[in-house]
N, C-alpha and C. Protein backbone atom coordinates (compact mmCIF):
# COMPACT_ATOMS: atom_id res chain seq x y z
N ALA A 1 -5.58 68.98 28.43
CA ALA A 1 -4.60 68.60 27.43
C ALA A 1 -3.43 67.85 28.08
N ALA A 2 -3.07 68.27 29.27
CA ALA A 2 -1.91 67.61 29.94
C ALA A 2 -2.24 66.15 30.22
N CYS A 3 -3.43 65.88 30.66
CA CYS A 3 -3.81 64.48 30.96
C CYS A 3 -3.93 63.65 29.70
N GLN A 4 -4.28 64.26 28.56
CA GLN A 4 -4.46 63.51 27.30
C GLN A 4 -3.15 63.05 26.73
N CYS A 5 -2.03 63.68 27.00
CA CYS A 5 -0.78 63.35 26.40
C CYS A 5 0.08 62.41 27.20
N ARG A 6 -0.31 62.12 28.40
CA ARG A 6 0.54 61.25 29.24
C ARG A 6 0.26 59.78 28.95
N GLY A 7 1.25 58.95 29.21
CA GLY A 7 1.09 57.53 28.93
C GLY A 7 0.50 56.73 30.08
N ASP A 8 0.94 56.95 31.32
CA ASP A 8 0.50 56.19 32.49
C ASP A 8 -0.58 56.98 33.22
N VAL A 9 -1.80 56.55 33.12
CA VAL A 9 -2.89 57.31 33.77
C VAL A 9 -2.91 57.12 35.29
N SER A 10 -2.10 56.23 35.84
CA SER A 10 -2.01 56.09 37.29
C SER A 10 -1.12 57.11 37.95
N VAL A 11 -0.34 57.88 37.13
CA VAL A 11 0.56 58.87 37.67
C VAL A 11 -0.17 60.19 37.73
N PRO A 12 -0.21 60.85 38.90
CA PRO A 12 -0.90 62.14 38.99
C PRO A 12 -0.27 63.20 38.12
N VAL A 13 -1.08 64.15 37.67
CA VAL A 13 -0.63 65.28 36.88
C VAL A 13 -0.80 66.55 37.70
N VAL A 14 0.20 67.38 37.73
CA VAL A 14 0.15 68.71 38.38
C VAL A 14 0.15 69.75 37.25
N SER A 15 -0.83 70.58 37.20
CA SER A 15 -0.89 71.65 36.19
C SER A 15 -0.78 72.97 36.88
N LEU A 16 0.15 73.79 36.41
CA LEU A 16 0.34 75.12 36.94
C LEU A 16 -0.15 76.09 35.86
N ALA A 17 -0.95 77.05 36.24
CA ALA A 17 -1.46 77.99 35.25
C ALA A 17 -2.00 79.22 35.97
N THR A 18 -2.09 80.27 35.19
CA THR A 18 -2.76 81.45 35.69
C THR A 18 -3.84 81.75 34.63
N ALA A 19 -4.86 82.46 35.01
CA ALA A 19 -5.91 82.72 34.09
C ALA A 19 -6.60 84.06 34.43
N HIS A 20 -7.04 84.76 33.42
CA HIS A 20 -7.81 85.95 33.59
C HIS A 20 -9.22 85.55 34.07
N PRO A 21 -9.83 86.27 34.95
CA PRO A 21 -11.19 85.90 35.40
C PRO A 21 -12.18 85.71 34.26
N ALA A 22 -11.99 86.46 33.19
CA ALA A 22 -12.94 86.39 32.06
C ALA A 22 -12.83 85.07 31.31
N LYS A 23 -11.77 84.27 31.57
CA LYS A 23 -11.68 82.97 30.93
C LYS A 23 -12.66 81.97 31.53
N PHE A 24 -13.14 82.25 32.76
CA PHE A 24 -14.08 81.39 33.45
C PHE A 24 -15.27 82.18 33.99
N PRO A 25 -16.00 82.83 33.10
CA PRO A 25 -17.05 83.79 33.53
C PRO A 25 -18.13 83.14 34.34
N ASP A 26 -18.52 81.94 34.03
CA ASP A 26 -19.59 81.25 34.81
C ASP A 26 -19.17 80.99 36.26
N ALA A 27 -17.94 80.48 36.45
CA ALA A 27 -17.43 80.19 37.79
C ALA A 27 -17.28 81.47 38.60
N VAL A 28 -16.74 82.53 37.94
CA VAL A 28 -16.54 83.80 38.66
C VAL A 28 -17.89 84.40 39.05
N GLU A 29 -18.85 84.33 38.13
CA GLU A 29 -20.14 84.87 38.48
C GLU A 29 -20.81 84.08 39.60
N ALA A 30 -20.70 82.78 39.57
CA ALA A 30 -21.26 81.95 40.66
C ALA A 30 -20.63 82.27 41.99
N ALA A 31 -19.35 82.53 42.01
CA ALA A 31 -18.63 82.76 43.28
C ALA A 31 -18.82 84.23 43.77
N THR A 32 -18.92 85.18 42.86
CA THR A 32 -18.91 86.57 43.26
C THR A 32 -20.21 87.32 42.98
N GLY A 33 -20.98 86.78 42.08
CA GLY A 33 -22.24 87.52 41.65
C GLY A 33 -21.95 88.51 40.57
N ILE A 34 -20.68 88.61 40.17
CA ILE A 34 -20.32 89.55 39.09
C ILE A 34 -19.76 88.78 37.92
N ARG A 35 -20.25 89.05 36.75
CA ARG A 35 -19.78 88.41 35.51
C ARG A 35 -18.65 89.26 34.95
N PRO A 36 -17.46 88.71 34.83
CA PRO A 36 -16.34 89.51 34.29
C PRO A 36 -16.48 89.76 32.80
N ALA A 37 -16.12 90.93 32.39
CA ALA A 37 -16.18 91.29 30.98
C ALA A 37 -14.92 90.70 30.30
N LEU A 38 -15.08 90.33 28.99
CA LEU A 38 -14.00 89.84 28.23
C LEU A 38 -13.28 91.02 27.59
N PRO A 39 -12.00 91.26 27.96
CA PRO A 39 -11.30 92.41 27.39
C PRO A 39 -11.08 92.24 25.88
N PRO A 40 -11.01 93.35 25.15
CA PRO A 40 -10.84 93.25 23.68
C PRO A 40 -9.64 92.42 23.27
N ARG A 41 -8.52 92.49 24.06
CA ARG A 41 -7.32 91.72 23.69
C ARG A 41 -7.55 90.20 23.80
N MET A 42 -8.63 89.81 24.43
CA MET A 42 -8.93 88.41 24.64
C MET A 42 -10.12 87.92 23.79
N ALA A 43 -10.52 88.75 22.84
CA ALA A 43 -11.73 88.41 22.03
C ALA A 43 -11.65 87.05 21.37
N ASP A 44 -10.46 86.64 20.96
CA ASP A 44 -10.28 85.39 20.31
C ASP A 44 -9.88 84.25 21.24
N LEU A 45 -9.95 84.51 22.54
CA LEU A 45 -9.46 83.56 23.54
C LEU A 45 -9.93 82.11 23.35
N PHE A 46 -11.22 81.91 23.15
CA PHE A 46 -11.70 80.55 23.05
C PHE A 46 -11.44 79.90 21.70
N ASP A 47 -10.87 80.66 20.75
CA ASP A 47 -10.47 80.10 19.46
C ASP A 47 -9.00 79.77 19.39
N ARG A 48 -8.23 80.21 20.37
CA ARG A 48 -6.78 79.97 20.36
C ARG A 48 -6.42 78.52 20.60
N THR A 49 -5.27 78.12 20.12
CA THR A 49 -4.78 76.80 20.32
C THR A 49 -4.21 76.65 21.71
N GLU A 50 -4.60 75.63 22.43
CA GLU A 50 -4.07 75.40 23.76
C GLU A 50 -2.63 74.94 23.70
N THR A 51 -1.79 75.46 24.55
CA THR A 51 -0.40 75.08 24.58
C THR A 51 -0.02 74.66 26.01
N PHE A 52 0.96 73.76 26.13
CA PHE A 52 1.44 73.36 27.45
C PHE A 52 2.83 72.79 27.31
N ASP A 53 3.56 72.69 28.38
CA ASP A 53 4.91 72.11 28.44
C ASP A 53 4.92 70.93 29.44
N THR A 54 5.63 69.93 29.08
CA THR A 54 5.79 68.77 29.97
C THR A 54 7.20 68.79 30.54
N LEU A 55 7.29 68.67 31.88
CA LEU A 55 8.57 68.77 32.57
C LEU A 55 8.81 67.44 33.34
N ALA A 56 10.05 67.16 33.58
CA ALA A 56 10.41 66.04 34.45
C ALA A 56 9.95 66.32 35.88
N ASN A 57 9.82 65.28 36.66
CA ASN A 57 9.45 65.42 38.07
C ASN A 57 10.70 65.77 38.86
N ASP A 58 11.11 67.06 38.71
CA ASP A 58 12.38 67.52 39.31
C ASP A 58 12.25 69.03 39.63
N ALA A 59 12.42 69.37 40.86
CA ALA A 59 12.25 70.75 41.31
C ALA A 59 13.22 71.69 40.59
N ALA A 60 14.44 71.29 40.38
CA ALA A 60 15.40 72.14 39.68
C ALA A 60 15.02 72.40 38.24
N ASP A 61 14.47 71.34 37.57
CA ASP A 61 13.96 71.52 36.22
C ASP A 61 12.79 72.53 36.20
N LEU A 62 11.91 72.44 37.15
CA LEU A 62 10.82 73.41 37.24
C LEU A 62 11.31 74.78 37.50
N GLN A 63 12.26 74.96 38.36
CA GLN A 63 12.83 76.32 38.66
C GLN A 63 13.46 76.88 37.38
N ASP A 64 14.24 76.07 36.70
CA ASP A 64 14.86 76.50 35.47
C ASP A 64 13.86 76.91 34.42
N PHE A 65 12.79 76.12 34.29
CA PHE A 65 11.75 76.42 33.33
C PHE A 65 11.09 77.75 33.66
N ILE A 66 10.79 77.96 34.91
CA ILE A 66 10.18 79.25 35.32
C ILE A 66 11.07 80.41 35.04
N ARG A 67 12.35 80.27 35.37
CA ARG A 67 13.32 81.34 35.06
C ARG A 67 13.40 81.66 33.60
N ARG A 68 13.46 80.63 32.76
CA ARG A 68 13.52 80.87 31.32
C ARG A 68 12.23 81.50 30.81
N SER A 69 11.11 81.06 31.35
CA SER A 69 9.83 81.56 30.89
C SER A 69 9.61 83.02 31.21
N VAL A 70 10.18 83.50 32.33
CA VAL A 70 10.00 84.91 32.69
C VAL A 70 11.21 85.76 32.33
N GLY A 71 12.14 85.22 31.60
CA GLY A 71 13.25 85.95 31.10
C GLY A 71 14.43 86.05 32.04
N GLY A 72 14.47 85.20 33.08
CA GLY A 72 15.57 85.28 34.00
C GLY A 72 16.73 84.43 33.54
N LYS A 73 17.75 84.38 34.38
CA LYS A 73 18.93 83.58 34.05
C LYS A 73 18.68 82.10 34.19
N ASP A 74 19.33 81.29 33.35
CA ASP A 74 19.32 79.85 33.53
C ASP A 74 20.17 79.51 34.75
N SER A 75 19.78 78.51 35.46
CA SER A 75 20.63 78.11 36.60
C SER A 75 21.89 77.37 36.07
N ALA A 76 22.93 77.37 36.85
CA ALA A 76 24.17 76.74 36.41
C ALA A 76 24.18 75.27 36.76
């Protein structure tokens, strides 16, 4: 999704994300030999709308975004 919304395809995109192993069961199984179970709270995972945020290429903006996202203080 991040690549689809950008205007200049020559500019690299950095995507930061975390994911539950059950979101990528085939890859986890190939790497570990164990297929992760999909927890009940994630039953609708593949039907959910994908969301993302676009930030400026600025470390301070990224730090502020992370602080706001985890409930911390905004920087001054």
